[in-house]
Amino acid sequence: MNVGIDLDNTIIRYDGLLRRLALAQGRVPPSMPENKQAIRDHVRQRHGETAWRELQARLYGEAVAEAELHDGVWDFLAELRRRGLPFQIVSHKTRRPAAGDQTVDLRQKAMEFLEAKGFFRADGLGMDRRDVHFCDTRADKTAAIARLGHTVFIDDLEEVFLDPGFPPGVLKILFSPAPTTRAADARLLPTFAAIARAVLGEAAV
């Protein structure tokens, strides 16, 4: 088994941080829930695509240090490590944001977040930094999944699994609370406890 996992909104949870940033910029009302999709849709509809891209650049750039890990993802990855099962992070993330401060290195900020959370420490997950792969496009991402030989891939975006370049024979796990998905051959699972059971068995973690 070789597990691949997405980074943004799969390992890293942005909902609360995004709401705080959007509130500070006056982009959403105080009643807005901590829900990335709801905030994104509101900002796009009320303020336009440029405003959303600038907010997103701030979220994935200077502010990412304030984000959190999704519940259960650390335990899942730690159990993979304990069992000696390889895993890699594969992220569709350009080096520079689409809008906002072009001096910010989004990939460096992501690596700093992982460093701070203990991903590379021997007393943490003990990951090799070379097991974090950043891709400029979705096509590059699906090609990386094929090249790395993943047998399982976990992502929050069904578009990744619907991409024609996604390699066949890979177990697709869509991390989402949504009730349905267009990716009919994906396992739709809402928590990492459920993902751990699906990947490692009922007595997983």
N, C-alpha and C. Protein backbone atom coordinates (compact mmCIF):
# COMPACT_ATOMS: atom_id res chain seq x y z
N MET A 1 0.84 -1.20 0.00
CA MET A 1 0.00 0.00 0.00
C MET A 1 0.87 1.25 0.00
N ASN A 2 0.50 2.22 -0.80
CA ASN A 2 1.19 3.50 -0.85
C ASN A 2 0.13 4.59 -0.90
N VAL A 3 0.07 5.42 0.12
CA VAL A 3 -1.02 6.38 0.27
C VAL A 3 -0.57 7.77 -0.15
N GLY A 4 -1.36 8.40 -0.99
CA GLY A 4 -1.16 9.80 -1.33
C GLY A 4 -2.26 10.63 -0.70
N ILE A 5 -1.93 11.84 -0.31
CA ILE A 5 -2.92 12.69 0.34
C ILE A 5 -2.71 14.14 -0.07
N ASP A 6 -3.81 14.81 -0.32
CA ASP A 6 -3.81 16.23 -0.64
C ASP A 6 -3.47 17.04 0.61
N LEU A 7 -3.13 18.31 0.41
CA LEU A 7 -2.73 19.17 1.53
C LEU A 7 -3.83 20.15 1.96
N ASP A 8 -4.14 21.11 1.10
CA ASP A 8 -5.08 22.16 1.47
C ASP A 8 -6.50 21.63 1.56
N ASN A 9 -7.14 21.87 2.70
CA ASN A 9 -8.52 21.45 2.98
C ASN A 9 -8.68 19.94 3.12
N THR A 10 -7.56 19.22 3.13
CA THR A 10 -7.57 17.79 3.43
C THR A 10 -6.74 17.54 4.69
N ILE A 11 -5.47 17.92 4.66
CA ILE A 11 -4.66 17.91 5.88
C ILE A 11 -4.89 19.19 6.67
N ILE A 12 -4.81 20.32 5.97
CA ILE A 12 -4.95 21.62 6.65
C ILE A 12 -6.40 22.07 6.60
N ARG A 13 -6.93 22.43 7.76
CA ARG A 13 -8.30 22.94 7.87
C ARG A 13 -8.25 24.47 7.93
N TYR A 14 -8.93 25.11 6.99
CA TYR A 14 -8.89 26.56 6.89
C TYR A 14 -10.18 27.27 7.30
N ASP A 15 -11.25 26.54 7.57
CA ASP A 15 -12.57 27.15 7.71
C ASP A 15 -12.61 28.29 8.72
N GLY A 16 -12.12 28.02 9.93
CA GLY A 16 -12.17 29.05 10.97
C GLY A 16 -11.29 30.25 10.64
N LEU A 17 -10.10 29.99 10.14
CA LEU A 17 -9.18 31.06 9.76
C LEU A 17 -9.75 31.88 8.62
N LEU A 18 -10.33 31.22 7.63
CA LEU A 18 -10.91 31.95 6.49
C LEU A 18 -12.03 32.87 6.95
N ARG A 19 -12.86 32.38 7.85
CA ARG A 19 -13.95 33.23 8.37
C ARG A 19 -13.40 34.46 9.08
N ARG A 20 -12.34 34.27 9.89
CA ARG A 20 -11.76 35.41 10.60
C ARG A 20 -11.18 36.44 9.62
N LEU A 21 -10.49 35.96 8.59
CA LEU A 21 -9.91 36.87 7.60
C LEU A 21 -11.00 37.61 6.83
N ALA A 22 -12.03 36.87 6.43
CA ALA A 22 -13.11 37.49 5.66
C ALA A 22 -13.87 38.51 6.49
N LEU A 23 -14.07 38.22 7.77
CA LEU A 23 -14.73 39.18 8.67
C LEU A 23 -13.88 40.43 8.83
N ALA A 24 -12.56 40.25 9.00
CA ALA A 24 -11.67 41.39 9.19
C ALA A 24 -11.65 42.30 7.96
N GLN A 25 -11.87 41.73 6.78
CA GLN A 25 -11.89 42.51 5.55
C GLN A 25 -13.29 43.01 5.19
N GLY A 26 -14.27 42.69 6.03
CA GLY A 26 -15.64 43.11 5.75
C GLY A 26 -16.27 42.40 4.57
N ARG A 27 -15.81 41.20 4.27
CA ARG A 27 -16.30 40.47 3.10
C ARG A 27 -17.51 39.60 3.40
N VAL A 28 -17.73 39.27 4.69
CA VAL A 28 -18.86 38.41 5.07
C VAL A 28 -19.53 38.99 6.30
N PRO A 29 -20.80 38.67 6.53
CA PRO A 29 -21.49 39.12 7.73
C PRO A 29 -21.10 38.26 8.94
N PRO A 30 -21.32 38.76 10.17
CA PRO A 30 -20.99 37.98 11.37
C PRO A 30 -21.72 36.66 11.46
N SER A 31 -22.83 36.53 10.77
CA SER A 31 -23.62 35.29 10.81
C SER A 31 -23.03 34.18 9.94
N MET A 32 -22.00 34.50 9.17
CA MET A 32 -21.42 33.52 8.26
C MET A 32 -20.82 32.35 9.03
N PRO A 33 -21.16 31.11 8.69
CA PRO A 33 -20.60 29.95 9.40
C PRO A 33 -19.15 29.69 9.00
N GLU A 34 -18.47 28.85 9.76
CA GLU A 34 -17.11 28.43 9.43
C GLU A 34 -17.18 27.35 8.36
N ASN A 35 -17.39 27.79 7.14
CA ASN A 35 -17.54 26.86 6.02
C ASN A 35 -16.89 27.47 4.80
N LYS A 36 -15.81 26.85 4.33
CA LYS A 36 -15.02 27.43 3.24
C LYS A 36 -15.84 27.65 1.99
N GLN A 37 -16.65 26.68 1.61
CA GLN A 37 -17.41 26.81 0.38
C GLN A 37 -18.43 27.95 0.49
N ALA A 38 -19.11 28.05 1.64
CA ALA A 38 -20.10 29.12 1.83
C ALA A 38 -19.44 30.50 1.78
N ILE A 39 -18.27 30.61 2.41
CA ILE A 39 -17.55 31.89 2.39
C ILE A 39 -17.08 32.23 0.99
N ARG A 40 -16.52 31.24 0.30
CA ARG A 40 -16.05 31.45 -1.08
C ARG A 40 -17.20 31.93 -1.97
N ASP A 41 -18.34 31.24 -1.89
CA ASP A 41 -19.47 31.59 -2.74
C ASP A 41 -19.98 32.99 -2.43
N HIS A 42 -20.03 33.35 -1.14
CA HIS A 42 -20.51 34.67 -0.75
C HIS A 42 -19.57 35.77 -1.27
N VAL A 43 -18.27 35.57 -1.07
CA VAL A 43 -17.30 36.59 -1.49
C VAL A 43 -17.33 36.76 -3.01
N ARG A 44 -17.38 35.66 -3.74
CA ARG A 44 -17.43 35.74 -5.20
C ARG A 44 -18.68 36.48 -5.68
N GLN A 45 -19.82 36.15 -5.07
CA GLN A 45 -21.09 36.74 -5.52
C GLN A 45 -21.20 38.22 -5.15
N ARG A 46 -20.74 38.58 -3.95
CA ARG A 46 -20.89 39.95 -3.48
C ARG A 46 -19.73 40.87 -3.86
N HIS A 47 -18.53 40.32 -3.97
CA HIS A 47 -17.35 41.17 -4.14
C HIS A 47 -16.52 40.85 -5.38
N GLY A 48 -16.80 39.72 -6.02
CA GLY A 48 -16.11 39.40 -7.26
C GLY A 48 -14.95 38.43 -7.10
N GLU A 49 -14.51 37.88 -8.23
CA GLU A 49 -13.46 36.86 -8.24
C GLU A 49 -12.13 37.41 -7.74
N THR A 50 -11.80 38.65 -8.07
CA THR A 50 -10.52 39.22 -7.62
C THR A 50 -10.46 39.30 -6.10
N ALA A 51 -11.56 39.72 -5.48
CA ALA A 51 -11.60 39.80 -4.02
C ALA A 51 -11.39 38.42 -3.40
N TRP A 52 -12.00 37.38 -4.00
CA TRP A 52 -11.82 36.03 -3.48
C TRP A 52 -10.36 35.58 -3.64
N ARG A 53 -9.76 35.87 -4.77
CA ARG A 53 -8.37 35.44 -4.99
C ARG A 53 -7.41 36.15 -4.03
N GLU A 54 -7.68 37.40 -3.75
CA GLU A 54 -6.84 38.12 -2.80
C GLU A 54 -6.99 37.55 -1.39
N LEU A 55 -8.22 37.21 -1.02
CA LEU A 55 -8.46 36.59 0.28
C LEU A 55 -7.78 35.23 0.35
N GLN A 56 -7.88 34.47 -0.70
CA GLN A 56 -7.25 33.15 -0.77
C GLN A 56 -5.73 33.24 -0.69
N ALA A 57 -5.16 34.27 -1.34
CA ALA A 57 -3.71 34.47 -1.29
C ALA A 57 -3.25 34.73 0.13
N ARG A 58 -4.01 35.53 0.86
CA ARG A 58 -3.69 35.80 2.26
C ARG A 58 -3.82 34.53 3.10
N LEU A 59 -4.87 33.75 2.81
CA LEU A 59 -5.13 32.52 3.56
C LEU A 59 -3.99 31.52 3.41
N TYR A 60 -3.55 31.29 2.18
CA TYR A 60 -2.52 30.28 1.91
C TYR A 60 -1.11 30.83 2.06
N GLY A 61 -0.99 32.14 2.26
CA GLY A 61 0.32 32.77 2.38
C GLY A 61 0.67 33.10 3.81
N GLU A 62 0.68 34.37 4.14
CA GLU A 62 1.14 34.82 5.46
C GLU A 62 0.30 34.26 6.61
N ALA A 63 -0.99 33.99 6.36
CA ALA A 63 -1.88 33.59 7.46
C ALA A 63 -1.89 32.09 7.71
N VAL A 64 -1.29 31.28 6.84
CA VAL A 64 -1.43 29.83 6.96
C VAL A 64 -0.91 29.30 8.29
N ALA A 65 0.01 29.98 8.92
CA ALA A 65 0.54 29.54 10.21
C ALA A 65 -0.55 29.47 11.28
N GLU A 66 -1.66 30.21 11.07
CA GLU A 66 -2.76 30.23 12.03
C GLU A 66 -3.81 29.15 11.75
N ALA A 67 -3.64 28.38 10.67
CA ALA A 67 -4.59 27.32 10.32
C ALA A 67 -4.41 26.12 11.26
N GLU A 68 -5.25 25.13 11.08
CA GLU A 68 -5.27 23.95 11.95
C GLU A 68 -5.17 22.68 11.11
N LEU A 69 -4.89 21.58 11.78
CA LEU A 69 -5.00 20.27 11.14
C LEU A 69 -6.44 19.80 11.25
N HIS A 70 -6.90 19.09 10.23
CA HIS A 70 -8.22 18.48 10.33
C HIS A 70 -8.22 17.43 11.44
N ASP A 71 -9.31 17.33 12.14
CA ASP A 71 -9.45 16.35 13.21
C ASP A 71 -9.15 14.95 12.68
N GLY A 72 -8.27 14.24 13.37
CA GLY A 72 -8.00 12.84 13.04
C GLY A 72 -6.93 12.61 12.01
N VAL A 73 -6.50 13.65 11.27
CA VAL A 73 -5.54 13.40 10.21
C VAL A 73 -4.17 13.03 10.77
N TRP A 74 -3.78 13.66 11.87
CA TRP A 74 -2.48 13.31 12.48
C TRP A 74 -2.48 11.85 12.93
N ASP A 75 -3.54 11.42 13.60
CA ASP A 75 -3.61 10.04 14.08
C ASP A 75 -3.57 9.06 12.91
N PHE A 76 -4.24 9.39 11.82
CA PHE A 76 -4.24 8.53 10.65
C PHE A 76 -2.84 8.40 10.05
N LEU A 77 -2.17 9.53 9.86
CA LEU A 77 -0.82 9.49 9.28
C LEU A 77 0.17 8.83 10.23
N ALA A 78 0.01 9.07 11.51
CA ALA A 78 0.90 8.44 12.50
C ALA A 78 0.74 6.93 12.49
N GLU A 79 -0.49 6.47 12.28
CA GLU A 79 -0.72 5.02 12.22
C GLU A 79 -0.11 4.42 10.95
N LEU A 80 -0.19 5.15 9.85
CA LEU A 80 0.51 4.70 8.65
C LEU A 80 2.01 4.55 8.92
N ARG A 81 2.58 5.56 9.58
CA ARG A 81 4.01 5.52 9.90
C ARG A 81 4.32 4.36 10.83
N ARG A 82 3.47 4.15 11.83
CA ARG A 82 3.71 3.07 12.80
C ARG A 82 3.71 1.71 12.11
N ARG A 83 2.89 1.56 11.10
CA ARG A 83 2.79 0.29 10.39
C ARG A 83 3.82 0.16 9.27
N GLY A 84 4.62 1.20 9.08
CA GLY A 84 5.63 1.17 8.03
C GLY A 84 5.07 1.32 6.64
N LEU A 85 3.89 1.95 6.52
CA LEU A 85 3.27 2.14 5.22
C LEU A 85 3.65 3.51 4.67
N PRO A 86 4.15 3.57 3.45
CA PRO A 86 4.59 4.86 2.90
C PRO A 86 3.42 5.77 2.56
N PHE A 87 3.64 7.07 2.69
CA PHE A 87 2.65 8.06 2.24
C PHE A 87 3.38 9.32 1.81
N GLN A 88 2.77 10.02 0.88
CA GLN A 88 3.31 11.28 0.38
C GLN A 88 2.18 12.30 0.27
N ILE A 89 2.55 13.56 0.41
CA ILE A 89 1.61 14.67 0.20
C ILE A 89 1.79 15.16 -1.23
N VAL A 90 0.67 15.29 -1.94
CA VAL A 90 0.70 15.81 -3.32
C VAL A 90 -0.30 16.95 -3.39
N SER A 91 0.21 18.15 -3.65
CA SER A 91 -0.61 19.36 -3.58
C SER A 91 -0.57 20.14 -4.89
N HIS A 92 -1.75 20.54 -5.37
CA HIS A 92 -1.83 21.48 -6.49
C HIS A 92 -1.68 22.88 -5.91
N LYS A 93 -0.46 23.38 -5.89
CA LYS A 93 -0.17 24.68 -5.29
C LYS A 93 0.94 25.36 -6.09
N THR A 94 0.63 26.48 -6.69
CA THR A 94 1.65 27.25 -7.39
C THR A 94 2.56 27.93 -6.38
N ARG A 95 3.73 28.34 -6.85
CA ARG A 95 4.66 28.99 -5.92
C ARG A 95 4.18 30.39 -5.55
N ARG A 96 3.57 31.11 -6.49
CA ARG A 96 3.10 32.47 -6.23
C ARG A 96 1.57 32.51 -6.29
N PRO A 97 0.94 33.38 -5.53
CA PRO A 97 -0.53 33.49 -5.56
C PRO A 97 -1.04 34.07 -6.87
N ALA A 98 -2.30 33.78 -7.17
CA ALA A 98 -2.92 34.30 -8.38
C ALA A 98 -3.22 35.79 -8.26
N ALA A 99 -3.30 36.27 -7.04
CA ALA A 99 -3.53 37.70 -6.79
C ALA A 99 -2.85 38.05 -5.47
N GLY A 100 -2.73 39.35 -5.19
CA GLY A 100 -2.11 39.77 -3.94
C GLY A 100 -0.60 39.87 -4.04
N ASP A 101 0.07 39.74 -2.90
CA ASP A 101 1.50 39.94 -2.78
C ASP A 101 2.28 38.86 -3.52
N GLN A 102 2.94 39.23 -4.60
CA GLN A 102 3.65 38.26 -5.42
C GLN A 102 5.03 37.89 -4.85
N THR A 103 5.42 38.49 -3.75
CA THR A 103 6.69 38.11 -3.12
C THR A 103 6.51 36.92 -2.18
N VAL A 104 5.26 36.56 -1.89
CA VAL A 104 4.99 35.45 -0.97
C VAL A 104 5.18 34.12 -1.70
N ASP A 105 5.94 33.22 -1.08
CA ASP A 105 6.16 31.88 -1.62
C ASP A 105 5.18 30.93 -0.92
N LEU A 106 4.11 30.56 -1.60
CA LEU A 106 3.07 29.74 -1.00
C LEU A 106 3.58 28.36 -0.60
N ARG A 107 4.49 27.83 -1.38
CA ARG A 107 5.03 26.50 -1.07
C ARG A 107 5.90 26.55 0.19
N GLN A 108 6.69 27.59 0.30
CA GLN A 108 7.51 27.74 1.50
C GLN A 108 6.63 27.89 2.73
N LYS A 109 5.55 28.66 2.62
CA LYS A 109 4.64 28.85 3.75
C LYS A 109 3.99 27.53 4.16
N ALA A 110 3.64 26.72 3.17
CA ALA A 110 3.06 25.41 3.48
C ALA A 110 4.08 24.51 4.19
N MET A 111 5.31 24.53 3.73
CA MET A 111 6.35 23.72 4.37
C MET A 111 6.62 24.21 5.79
N GLU A 112 6.57 25.50 6.00
CA GLU A 112 6.75 26.05 7.35
C GLU A 112 5.62 25.59 8.27
N PHE A 113 4.41 25.54 7.75
CA PHE A 113 3.27 25.04 8.54
C PHE A 113 3.51 23.58 8.94
N LEU A 114 3.88 22.76 7.98
CA LEU A 114 4.13 21.34 8.28
C LEU A 114 5.27 21.17 9.27
N GLU A 115 6.30 21.97 9.11
CA GLU A 115 7.44 21.95 10.04
C GLU A 115 6.97 22.27 11.45
N ALA A 116 6.18 23.34 11.58
CA ALA A 116 5.71 23.77 12.90
C ALA A 116 4.81 22.72 13.55
N LYS A 117 4.09 21.95 12.75
CA LYS A 117 3.18 20.94 13.28
C LYS A 117 3.88 19.61 13.57
N GLY A 118 5.16 19.52 13.26
CA GLY A 118 5.91 18.32 13.62
C GLY A 118 5.96 17.24 12.56
N PHE A 119 5.61 17.56 11.34
CA PHE A 119 5.60 16.55 10.29
C PHE A 119 6.99 15.99 10.00
N PHE A 120 8.03 16.81 10.14
CA PHE A 120 9.37 16.39 9.75
C PHE A 120 10.25 16.02 10.95
N ARG A 121 9.73 16.16 12.14
CA ARG A 121 10.53 15.83 13.33
C ARG A 121 10.55 14.32 13.57
N ALA A 122 11.69 13.85 14.07
CA ALA A 122 11.80 12.43 14.37
C ALA A 122 10.81 12.01 15.45
N ASP A 123 10.50 12.94 16.38
CA ASP A 123 9.54 12.62 17.43
C ASP A 123 8.11 13.01 17.02
N GLY A 124 7.93 13.37 15.73
CA GLY A 124 6.62 13.65 15.19
C GLY A 124 6.25 12.58 14.18
N LEU A 125 5.93 12.99 12.94
CA LEU A 125 5.63 12.01 11.90
C LEU A 125 6.88 11.47 11.23
N GLY A 126 7.99 12.20 11.35
CA GLY A 126 9.23 11.73 10.75
C GLY A 126 9.21 11.69 9.23
N MET A 127 8.42 12.56 8.61
CA MET A 127 8.38 12.60 7.15
C MET A 127 9.68 13.14 6.58
N ASP A 128 10.01 12.67 5.40
CA ASP A 128 11.09 13.26 4.61
C ASP A 128 10.49 14.42 3.83
N ARG A 129 11.17 15.55 3.81
CA ARG A 129 10.66 16.70 3.05
C ARG A 129 10.47 16.39 1.57
N ARG A 130 11.21 15.43 1.07
CA ARG A 130 11.09 15.04 -0.33
C ARG A 130 9.78 14.31 -0.62
N ASP A 131 9.05 13.96 0.43
CA ASP A 131 7.76 13.31 0.25
C ASP A 131 6.61 14.31 0.18
N VAL A 132 6.94 15.59 0.07
CA VAL A 132 5.94 16.63 -0.17
C VAL A 132 6.14 17.12 -1.59
N HIS A 133 5.11 16.97 -2.42
CA HIS A 133 5.21 17.29 -3.84
C HIS A 133 4.22 18.40 -4.19
N PHE A 134 4.72 19.50 -4.74
CA PHE A 134 3.87 20.60 -5.17
C PHE A 134 3.77 20.60 -6.69
N CYS A 135 2.57 20.83 -7.20
CA CYS A 135 2.31 20.77 -8.63
C CYS A 135 1.67 22.07 -9.10
N ASP A 136 2.07 22.52 -10.27
CA ASP A 136 1.55 23.77 -10.82
C ASP A 136 0.13 23.65 -11.33
N THR A 137 -0.24 22.48 -11.83
CA THR A 137 -1.56 22.28 -12.43
C THR A 137 -2.17 20.98 -11.93
N ARG A 138 -3.47 20.83 -12.16
CA ARG A 138 -4.13 19.58 -11.78
C ARG A 138 -3.59 18.42 -12.60
N ALA A 139 -3.26 18.67 -13.86
CA ALA A 139 -2.68 17.62 -14.70
C ALA A 139 -1.33 17.16 -14.13
N ASP A 140 -0.54 18.11 -13.65
CA ASP A 140 0.73 17.75 -13.01
C ASP A 140 0.48 16.90 -11.77
N LYS A 141 -0.59 17.22 -11.05
CA LYS A 141 -0.90 16.48 -9.82
C LYS A 141 -1.28 15.03 -10.13
N THR A 142 -2.15 14.83 -11.10
CA THR A 142 -2.53 13.45 -11.43
C THR A 142 -1.34 12.68 -12.00
N ALA A 143 -0.47 13.37 -12.72
CA ALA A 143 0.73 12.71 -13.23
C ALA A 143 1.65 12.30 -12.08
N ALA A 144 1.74 13.14 -11.04
CA ALA A 144 2.57 12.82 -9.88
C ALA A 144 2.00 11.62 -9.13
N ILE A 145 0.68 11.55 -9.01
CA ILE A 145 0.04 10.41 -8.35
C ILE A 145 0.39 9.12 -9.08
N ALA A 146 0.36 9.17 -10.41
CA ALA A 146 0.73 7.99 -11.20
C ALA A 146 2.21 7.66 -11.02
N ARG A 147 3.05 8.68 -11.08
CA ARG A 147 4.50 8.47 -11.00
C ARG A 147 4.91 7.89 -9.64
N LEU A 148 4.25 8.35 -8.58
CA LEU A 148 4.59 7.90 -7.23
C LEU A 148 4.00 6.53 -6.91
N GLY A 149 3.14 6.02 -7.76
CA GLY A 149 2.60 4.68 -7.58
C GLY A 149 1.63 4.55 -6.44
N HIS A 150 0.82 5.57 -6.22
CA HIS A 150 -0.15 5.48 -5.13
C HIS A 150 -1.21 4.42 -5.41
N THR A 151 -1.56 3.68 -4.38
CA THR A 151 -2.67 2.73 -4.47
C THR A 151 -3.93 3.32 -3.83
N VAL A 152 -3.75 4.37 -3.02
CA VAL A 152 -4.85 5.09 -2.39
C VAL A 152 -4.56 6.57 -2.52
N PHE A 153 -5.58 7.37 -2.86
CA PHE A 153 -5.39 8.82 -2.83
C PHE A 153 -6.59 9.46 -2.15
N ILE A 154 -6.28 10.43 -1.26
CA ILE A 154 -7.30 11.12 -0.47
C ILE A 154 -7.30 12.59 -0.84
N ASP A 155 -8.46 13.11 -1.21
CA ASP A 155 -8.55 14.51 -1.63
C ASP A 155 -9.93 15.04 -1.26
N ASP A 156 -10.02 16.37 -1.11
CA ASP A 156 -11.32 16.98 -0.81
C ASP A 156 -12.03 17.46 -2.07
N LEU A 157 -11.37 17.39 -3.23
CA LEU A 157 -11.95 17.88 -4.47
C LEU A 157 -12.26 16.72 -5.42
N GLU A 158 -13.54 16.56 -5.74
CA GLU A 158 -13.92 15.50 -6.66
C GLU A 158 -13.35 15.73 -8.05
N GLU A 159 -13.04 17.01 -8.39
CA GLU A 159 -12.48 17.30 -9.70
C GLU A 159 -11.17 16.56 -9.96
N VAL A 160 -10.41 16.31 -8.90
CA VAL A 160 -9.16 15.57 -9.06
C VAL A 160 -9.45 14.15 -9.55
N PHE A 161 -10.47 13.51 -8.99
CA PHE A 161 -10.81 12.15 -9.37
C PHE A 161 -11.51 12.09 -10.73
N LEU A 162 -12.14 13.20 -11.12
CA LEU A 162 -12.81 13.25 -12.42
C LEU A 162 -11.86 13.62 -13.56
N ASP A 163 -10.65 14.06 -13.20
CA ASP A 163 -9.69 14.45 -14.22
C ASP A 163 -9.34 13.24 -15.10
N PRO A 164 -9.33 13.40 -16.42
CA PRO A 164 -9.03 12.26 -17.30
C PRO A 164 -7.63 11.68 -17.10
N GLY A 165 -6.75 12.46 -16.50
CA GLY A 165 -5.39 11.96 -16.27
C GLY A 165 -5.23 11.20 -14.96
N PHE A 166 -6.31 11.11 -14.15
CA PHE A 166 -6.16 10.38 -12.88
C PHE A 166 -5.90 8.91 -13.19
N PRO A 167 -4.85 8.33 -12.56
CA PRO A 167 -4.46 6.96 -12.93
C PRO A 167 -5.49 5.92 -12.52
N PRO A 168 -5.70 4.92 -13.35
CA PRO A 168 -6.65 3.85 -13.03
C PRO A 168 -6.12 2.95 -11.92
N GLY A 169 -7.04 2.28 -11.25
CA GLY A 169 -6.65 1.30 -10.24
C GLY A 169 -6.32 1.86 -8.88
N VAL A 170 -6.45 3.18 -8.70
CA VAL A 170 -6.17 3.82 -7.42
C VAL A 170 -7.48 3.94 -6.63
N LEU A 171 -7.48 3.55 -5.37
CA LEU A 171 -8.64 3.74 -4.52
C LEU A 171 -8.83 5.23 -4.27
N LYS A 172 -9.96 5.77 -4.71
CA LYS A 172 -10.24 7.20 -4.58
C LYS A 172 -11.06 7.43 -3.31
N ILE A 173 -10.53 8.24 -2.40
CA ILE A 173 -11.27 8.59 -1.19
C ILE A 173 -11.51 10.09 -1.20
N LEU A 174 -12.78 10.46 -1.28
CA LEU A 174 -13.17 11.86 -1.28
C LEU A 174 -13.51 12.26 0.15
N PHE A 175 -12.69 13.13 0.73
CA PHE A 175 -12.88 13.62 2.09
C PHE A 175 -13.86 14.78 2.04
N SER A 176 -15.12 14.50 2.37
CA SER A 176 -16.15 15.53 2.22
C SER A 176 -17.39 15.15 3.01
N PRO A 177 -18.07 16.14 3.59
CA PRO A 177 -19.34 15.87 4.26
C PRO A 177 -20.52 15.85 3.29
N ALA A 178 -20.27 16.12 2.01
CA ALA A 178 -21.35 16.16 1.02
C ALA A 178 -22.03 14.80 0.92
N PRO A 179 -23.33 14.78 0.64
CA PRO A 179 -24.05 13.49 0.60
C PRO A 179 -23.79 12.69 -0.67
N THR A 180 -23.40 13.36 -1.76
CA THR A 180 -23.17 12.66 -3.02
C THR A 180 -21.95 13.25 -3.72
N THR A 181 -21.50 12.54 -4.75
CA THR A 181 -20.38 13.02 -5.55
C THR A 181 -20.56 12.60 -6.99
N ARG A 182 -20.04 13.40 -7.91
CA ARG A 182 -20.06 13.05 -9.33
C ARG A 182 -19.04 11.96 -9.64
N ALA A 183 -18.04 11.80 -8.77
CA ALA A 183 -17.03 10.76 -8.96
C ALA A 183 -17.59 9.45 -8.41
N ALA A 184 -18.34 8.74 -9.25
CA ALA A 184 -19.13 7.60 -8.79
C ALA A 184 -18.29 6.48 -8.21
N ASP A 185 -17.03 6.37 -8.62
CA ASP A 185 -16.17 5.29 -8.14
C ASP A 185 -15.33 5.70 -6.94
N ALA A 186 -15.62 6.87 -6.35
CA ALA A 186 -14.88 7.32 -5.17
C ALA A 186 -15.62 6.93 -3.90
N ARG A 187 -14.86 6.62 -2.85
CA ARG A 187 -15.45 6.40 -1.53
C ARG A 187 -15.64 7.77 -0.88
N LEU A 188 -16.85 8.12 -0.55
CA LEU A 188 -17.17 9.43 0.03
C LEU A 188 -17.19 9.28 1.54
N LEU A 189 -16.20 9.88 2.22
CA LEU A 189 -16.05 9.71 3.66
C LEU A 189 -15.87 11.07 4.33
N PRO A 190 -16.59 11.32 5.44
CA PRO A 190 -16.61 12.66 6.03
C PRO A 190 -15.58 12.91 7.13
N THR A 191 -14.92 11.87 7.64
CA THR A 191 -13.98 12.04 8.74
C THR A 191 -12.75 11.18 8.51
N PHE A 192 -11.66 11.53 9.22
CA PHE A 192 -10.46 10.71 9.10
C PHE A 192 -10.56 9.42 9.90
N ALA A 193 -11.45 9.36 10.86
CA ALA A 193 -11.71 8.09 11.54
C ALA A 193 -12.30 7.10 10.54
N ALA A 194 -13.24 7.58 9.71
CA ALA A 194 -13.84 6.72 8.69
C ALA A 194 -12.82 6.36 7.62
N ILE A 195 -11.96 7.30 7.26
CA ILE A 195 -10.91 7.04 6.26
C ILE A 195 -9.94 5.99 6.80
N ALA A 196 -9.56 6.11 8.07
CA ALA A 196 -8.64 5.14 8.66
C ALA A 196 -9.24 3.73 8.62
N ARG A 197 -10.54 3.62 8.91
CA ARG A 197 -11.17 2.29 8.87
C ARG A 197 -11.21 1.74 7.45
N ALA A 198 -11.48 2.63 6.48
CA ALA A 198 -11.55 2.18 5.10
C ALA A 198 -10.18 1.73 4.57
N VAL A 199 -9.13 2.41 4.98
CA VAL A 199 -7.80 2.12 4.47
C VAL A 199 -7.10 1.02 5.28
N LEU A 200 -7.27 1.06 6.59
CA LEU A 200 -6.50 0.18 7.47
C LEU A 200 -7.30 -0.91 8.16
N GLY A 201 -8.61 -0.85 8.01
CA GLY A 201 -9.44 -1.87 8.65
C GLY A 201 -10.18 -1.33 9.86
N GLU A 202 -11.13 -2.07 10.35
CA GLU A 202 -12.02 -1.60 11.41
C GLU A 202 -11.30 -1.27 12.71
N ALA A 203 -10.18 -1.95 12.99
CA ALA A 203 -9.43 -1.72 14.24
C ALA A 203 -8.28 -0.74 14.01
N ALA A 204 -8.46 0.18 13.06
CA ALA A 204 -7.35 1.03 12.63
C ALA A 204 -6.79 1.91 13.74
N VAL A 205 -7.54 2.90 14.20
CA VAL A 205 -7.05 3.85 15.21
C VAL A 205 -8.19 4.18 16.14
